[in-house]
Protein backbone atom coordinates (compact mmCIF):
# COMPACT_ATOMS: atom_id res chain seq x y z
CA MET A 1 34.56 36.11 105.85
CA ALA A 2 35.06 37.93 102.53
CA ARG A 3 35.40 41.70 102.70
CA GLY A 4 32.45 43.71 101.46
CA LEU A 5 32.57 45.87 98.36
CA SER A 6 32.93 49.62 98.62
CA ARG A 7 29.78 51.63 97.92
CA ARG A 8 31.38 53.00 94.74
CA ALA A 9 32.21 49.50 93.42
CA VAL A 10 28.66 48.31 94.08
CA LEU A 11 27.21 51.30 92.24
CA LEU A 12 29.56 50.83 89.28
CA SER A 13 28.72 47.14 89.02
CA ALA A 14 25.01 47.89 89.25
CA VAL A 15 25.28 50.26 86.30
CA ALA A 16 27.01 47.54 84.28
CA ALA A 17 24.56 44.77 85.20
CA PHE A 18 22.00 44.50 82.43
CA GLY A 19 21.65 40.71 82.41
CA LYS A 20 22.68 38.68 79.39
CA THR A 21 24.95 40.33 76.85
CA ALA A 22 24.23 39.11 73.31
CA GLY A 23 22.85 35.89 74.77
CA ILE A 24 25.96 35.32 76.91
CA GLU A 25 25.82 35.10 80.70
CA LEU A 26 28.86 36.45 82.57
CA GLY A 27 30.17 34.57 85.59
CA VAL A 28 33.23 34.18 87.75
CA CYS A 29 35.16 31.18 89.10
CA GLU A 30 35.80 31.63 92.82
CA ASN A 31 35.68 29.99 96.23
CA ALA A 32 32.23 29.57 97.77
CA ASN A 33 32.97 32.17 100.44
CA HIS A 34 33.08 34.80 97.67
CA PHE A 35 29.56 34.03 96.46
CA ALA A 36 28.01 37.14 98.02
CA LEU A 37 30.63 39.38 96.40
CA ALA A 38 29.90 37.86 92.99
CA GLU A 39 26.21 38.59 93.44
CA GLN A 40 26.84 42.14 94.62
CA SER A 41 29.24 42.81 91.74
CA GLY A 42 26.61 42.15 89.09
CA PHE A 43 27.64 38.76 87.71
CA ASP A 44 24.90 36.66 86.12
CA TYR A 45 25.98 33.45 87.85
CA PHE A 46 28.71 31.90 90.02
CA GLU A 47 31.11 29.09 89.08
CA ALA A 48 32.14 27.04 92.10
CA SER A 49 34.61 24.19 92.59
CA GLY A 50 32.99 20.77 92.30
CA SER A 51 35.56 19.09 94.53
CA ALA A 52 35.05 21.79 97.18
CA ILE A 53 31.28 21.31 97.02
CA ALA A 54 31.75 17.55 97.39
CA ALA A 55 34.02 18.04 100.41
CA MET A 56 31.48 20.13 102.35
CA SER A 57 29.80 18.52 105.32
CA GLU A 58 26.02 18.14 105.13
CA ALA A 59 25.60 21.19 107.36
CA GLU A 60 28.07 23.28 105.36
CA PHE A 61 26.45 22.34 102.07
CA ALA A 62 22.93 23.04 103.37
CA SER A 63 24.05 26.49 104.50
CA PHE A 64 25.66 27.25 101.12
CA ARG A 65 22.63 25.91 99.21
CA ASP A 66 20.33 28.12 101.27
CA GLN A 67 22.54 31.14 100.55
CA VAL A 68 22.47 30.41 96.81
CA ASN A 69 18.74 29.78 96.68
CA ALA A 70 18.04 33.02 98.54
CA SER A 71 20.10 35.06 96.06
CA ARG A 72 19.32 36.40 92.58
CA ILE A 73 22.05 34.20 90.99
CA ARG A 74 22.85 30.48 90.94
CA CYS A 75 25.93 28.25 90.65
CA MET A 76 25.09 27.58 87.03
CA ARG A 77 28.54 26.18 86.23
CA VAL A 78 30.97 24.11 88.27
CA ASN A 79 34.66 23.41 87.60
CA ARG A 80 37.52 21.55 89.31
CA LEU A 81 35.36 18.49 89.32
CA MET A 82 37.60 15.79 90.78
CA ARG A 83 41.09 14.56 91.55
CA THR A 84 40.67 10.78 91.32
CA LYS A 85 42.53 9.17 88.42
CA VAL A 86 40.57 7.81 85.48
CA VAL A 87 43.68 7.19 83.37
CA GLY A 88 46.55 4.80 84.03
CA GLN A 89 47.11 1.50 85.79
CA ASP A 90 44.65 0.10 88.34
CA VAL A 91 41.83 2.53 87.53
CA ASN A 92 38.58 1.70 89.32
CA LEU A 93 35.60 3.68 88.04
CA GLU A 94 33.08 2.41 90.60
CA PRO A 95 34.00 4.83 93.42
CA VAL A 96 34.36 7.58 90.80
CA MET A 97 30.80 7.03 89.62
CA ALA A 98 29.51 7.04 93.20
CA TYR A 99 31.34 10.33 93.77
CA LEU A 100 29.87 11.83 90.60
CA ASP A 101 26.36 10.74 91.49
CA SER A 102 26.42 12.54 94.85
CA THR A 103 28.41 15.54 93.60
CA PHE A 104 26.21 16.04 90.53
CA GLU A 105 23.14 15.93 92.78
CA ARG A 106 24.60 18.70 94.94
CA CYS A 107 25.48 20.70 91.83
CA ARG A 108 21.97 20.27 90.46
CA SER A 109 20.43 21.59 93.65
CA LEU A 110 22.57 24.75 93.30
CA GLY A 111 21.13 25.45 89.86
CA CYS A 112 24.06 24.00 87.90
CA ARG A 113 23.75 23.32 84.16
CA VAL A 114 27.34 22.62 83.05
CA VAL A 115 30.05 20.72 84.93
CA VAL A 116 33.55 21.37 83.60
CA TRP A 117 36.01 18.47 83.42
CA GLY A 118 39.50 19.93 83.37
CA SER A 119 40.86 18.13 86.44
CA SER A 120 44.37 17.59 85.09
CA SER A 121 45.41 15.14 87.81
CA SER A 122 42.53 12.82 86.94
CA ARG A 123 43.58 12.45 83.30
CA GLN A 124 47.38 12.77 83.43
CA VAL A 125 48.90 9.97 81.34
CA PRO A 126 51.64 8.18 83.34
CA ASP A 127 55.10 7.91 81.81
CA GLY A 128 55.30 4.87 79.56
CA PHE A 129 51.55 4.30 79.56
CA SER A 130 49.86 3.84 76.18
CA ARG A 131 48.16 7.02 74.99
CA ASP A 132 45.72 4.93 72.98
CA ALA A 133 44.81 3.06 76.17
CA ALA A 134 44.47 6.39 78.03
CA TRP A 135 42.15 7.66 75.30
CA GLY A 136 40.01 4.56 75.67
CA GLN A 137 39.88 5.02 79.44
CA MET A 138 38.73 8.62 79.06
CA LYS A 139 36.02 7.51 76.66
CA ALA A 140 34.83 4.85 79.11
CA PHE A 141 34.82 7.36 81.97
CA LEU A 142 32.96 10.05 80.02
CA SER A 143 30.37 7.62 78.68
CA ARG A 144 29.42 6.54 82.18
CA ALA A 145 29.71 10.05 83.59
CA GLY A 146 27.45 11.27 80.78
CA ASP A 147 24.73 8.84 81.85
CA ILE A 148 24.86 10.21 85.41
CA ALA A 149 24.85 13.78 84.10
CA LYS A 150 21.76 13.00 82.02
CA ALA A 151 19.94 11.71 85.09
CA LYS A 152 20.80 14.97 86.91
CA GLN A 153 19.95 17.19 83.90
CA LEU A 154 23.56 18.35 83.55
CA VAL A 155 26.06 18.56 80.72
CA ILE A 156 29.78 17.76 81.07
CA GLY A 157 32.17 20.14 79.30
CA ILE A 158 35.64 18.76 78.50
CA GLU A 159 38.22 21.50 79.06
CA PRO A 160 41.46 21.67 77.04
CA LEU A 161 44.39 22.65 79.28
CA ARG A 162 47.86 23.99 78.47
CA LYS A 163 50.72 21.48 78.43
CA GLN A 164 52.10 22.88 81.71
CA GLU A 165 49.00 21.48 83.44
CA SER A 166 48.08 18.36 81.48
CA ASN A 167 49.82 16.05 79.02
CA ILE A 168 46.64 15.23 77.11
CA ILE A 169 43.70 17.25 75.69
CA ASN A 170 45.72 20.43 75.19
CA SER A 171 43.68 21.96 72.40
CA GLY A 172 40.10 22.56 71.39
CA ALA A 173 40.69 20.32 68.38
CA GLU A 174 41.70 17.44 70.67
CA ALA A 175 38.70 18.02 72.94
CA LEU A 176 36.43 18.02 69.89
CA ARG A 177 37.83 14.68 68.75
CA LEU A 178 37.14 13.20 72.18
CA VAL A 179 33.59 14.59 72.16
CA GLU A 180 32.98 13.01 68.78
CA ASP A 181 34.51 9.70 69.88
CA VAL A 182 32.42 9.52 73.07
CA HIS A 183 29.30 10.53 71.12
CA HIS A 184 27.14 11.16 74.18
CA PRO A 185 24.67 14.09 74.18
CA GLN A 186 25.65 15.07 77.73
CA VAL A 187 29.38 15.12 76.94
CA GLN A 188 30.45 18.31 75.17
CA MET A 189 33.39 20.75 75.49
CA ILE A 190 34.45 24.21 76.59
CA ILE A 191 37.06 26.66 75.38
CA ASP A 192 39.31 28.48 77.84
CA TYR A 193 40.76 31.58 76.17
CA TYR A 194 43.85 31.56 78.41
CA HIS A 195 44.79 27.99 77.51
CA LEU A 196 43.96 28.59 73.84
CA ARG A 197 46.40 31.52 73.67
CA VAL A 198 49.17 29.79 75.63
CA GLU A 199 48.92 26.83 73.23
CA LYS A 200 48.74 29.22 70.25
CA GLU A 201 45.59 27.58 68.93
CA ASP A 202 43.69 29.46 66.24
CA PRO A 203 40.45 30.97 67.64
CA GLU A 204 38.76 29.54 64.54
CA ILE A 205 38.36 26.36 66.61
CA VAL A 206 35.33 28.12 68.10
CA ARG A 207 33.70 28.14 64.68
CA THR A 208 34.74 24.54 63.96
CA ALA A 209 33.42 23.22 67.28
CA LYS A 210 30.49 25.62 67.69
CA ASP A 211 27.86 22.87 67.89
CA HIS A 212 29.65 21.28 70.86
CA ILE A 213 30.89 24.26 72.89
CA VAL A 214 28.72 24.64 75.99
CA HIS A 215 30.81 27.02 78.08
CA LEU A 216 33.78 29.43 78.04
CA HIS A 217 36.51 30.40 80.48
CA PHE A 218 38.46 33.62 80.06
CA ALA A 219 41.52 35.40 81.42
CA ASN A 220 44.01 37.93 80.11
CA PRO A 221 46.79 35.64 78.78
CA ASN A 222 49.36 38.16 79.99
CA GLY A 223 49.54 37.14 83.64
CA ARG A 224 46.27 35.18 83.71
CA ARG A 225 44.44 38.13 85.21
CA TRP A 226 40.85 39.35 85.02
CA PRO A 227 40.60 41.12 81.64
CA LYS A 228 39.83 44.83 81.67
CA SER A 229 40.91 46.40 78.39
CA ALA A 230 40.58 45.60 74.68
CA ASP A 231 44.26 46.35 74.06
CA GLU A 232 45.56 43.69 76.47
CA ASP A 233 45.77 41.01 73.78
CA THR A 234 45.83 41.14 69.99
CA GLU A 235 43.40 38.22 69.59
CA TYR A 236 40.59 39.53 71.79
CA ARG A 237 38.72 41.20 68.96
CA ARG A 238 38.86 38.19 66.62
CA PHE A 239 37.75 35.82 69.39
CA PHE A 240 34.73 37.94 70.30
CA ASP A 241 33.88 38.50 66.63
CA ILE A 242 33.76 34.72 66.09
CA LEU A 243 31.55 34.27 69.16
CA LYS A 244 29.10 36.77 67.69
CA GLN A 245 29.29 35.26 64.21
CA VAL A 246 28.46 31.74 65.45
CA ARG A 247 25.82 33.21 67.79
CA TYR A 248 27.26 31.53 70.85
CA GLU A 249 24.83 31.49 73.75
CA GLY A 250 25.91 30.22 77.13
CA GLY A 251 28.22 31.11 79.98
CA LEU A 252 31.52 32.95 79.96
CA SER A 253 33.39 32.80 83.28
CA ILE A 254 36.39 34.81 84.36
CA GLU A 255 39.00 32.39 85.70
CA GLY A 256 42.14 34.18 86.79
CA THR A 257 43.73 36.49 89.33
CA GLY A 258 41.76 39.54 90.37
CA THR A 259 39.55 40.98 93.08
CA PHE A 260 35.92 41.95 93.19
CA GLU A 261 36.76 45.26 94.82
CA ASN A 262 39.34 46.38 92.25
CA ASP A 263 38.51 44.54 89.04
CA ALA A 264 34.90 43.36 88.80
CA ALA A 265 33.24 46.52 87.50
CA GLN A 266 35.91 47.11 84.85
CA SER A 267 35.95 43.46 83.75
CA LEU A 268 32.18 43.35 83.35
CA SER A 269 32.29 46.61 81.41
CA PHE A 270 35.01 45.14 79.16
CA PHE A 271 32.96 42.04 78.32
CA ARG A 272 29.76 43.95 77.70
CA SER A 273 31.59 46.34 75.40
CA GLU A 274 33.33 43.57 73.43
CA LEU A 275 30.17 41.49 73.09
CA ALA A 276 27.82 44.33 72.20
């Protein structure tokens, strides 16, 4: 059972919680057992793990769904979608599609809108395997997954990951090319500020890809921690300025190391200040 927040932390988060900031909803990526803390801390939504939701028993999922539906927030975004390979030799998409159908249905019932496909193990290109063939396999997977997402009223967001985690789709520019190649209305992309900075990609990719970006992840690139101060990173200001210039509206989830008790109020204050 997650520890409760101190009275002071709850009061501080309540002061910071004014709903959407410049059209952006603020969320946090965490385990399902931290859902109550996310609600208490003043986040606008919760971002759960898709694979963890899929692994719940019927009773466990029903209990979590009831908790979500009784709260003021929803699991509007889901990440860590899957582990099953869709790239490489002997790929079989049939069980993958069955998994997505049931998992997307669970996500939908939690109030989900965007499902993030980072899932590095599912797309890792094996040594010696053709990258052109891998690209074609990802297109085939996303086209079929997009059809299921459409039926569940969801959107898939392709997530670029740093090279330490994935050997393909390491930049927003690469994710944008895949989105354009798949050309499915339910298949779009996200930008993760941490991965963008590690890969030294220009934040201008947000402007270039603005019509296809459906979600954002964020962490202080120095230690991958919950951000709390404008002086932590030299690119913060430019990134937030671009978001405002393109009038981004959607979710922005903290995905990093931190605690609700010690960091939530200051992180929410940081975002609301930078986005004002």
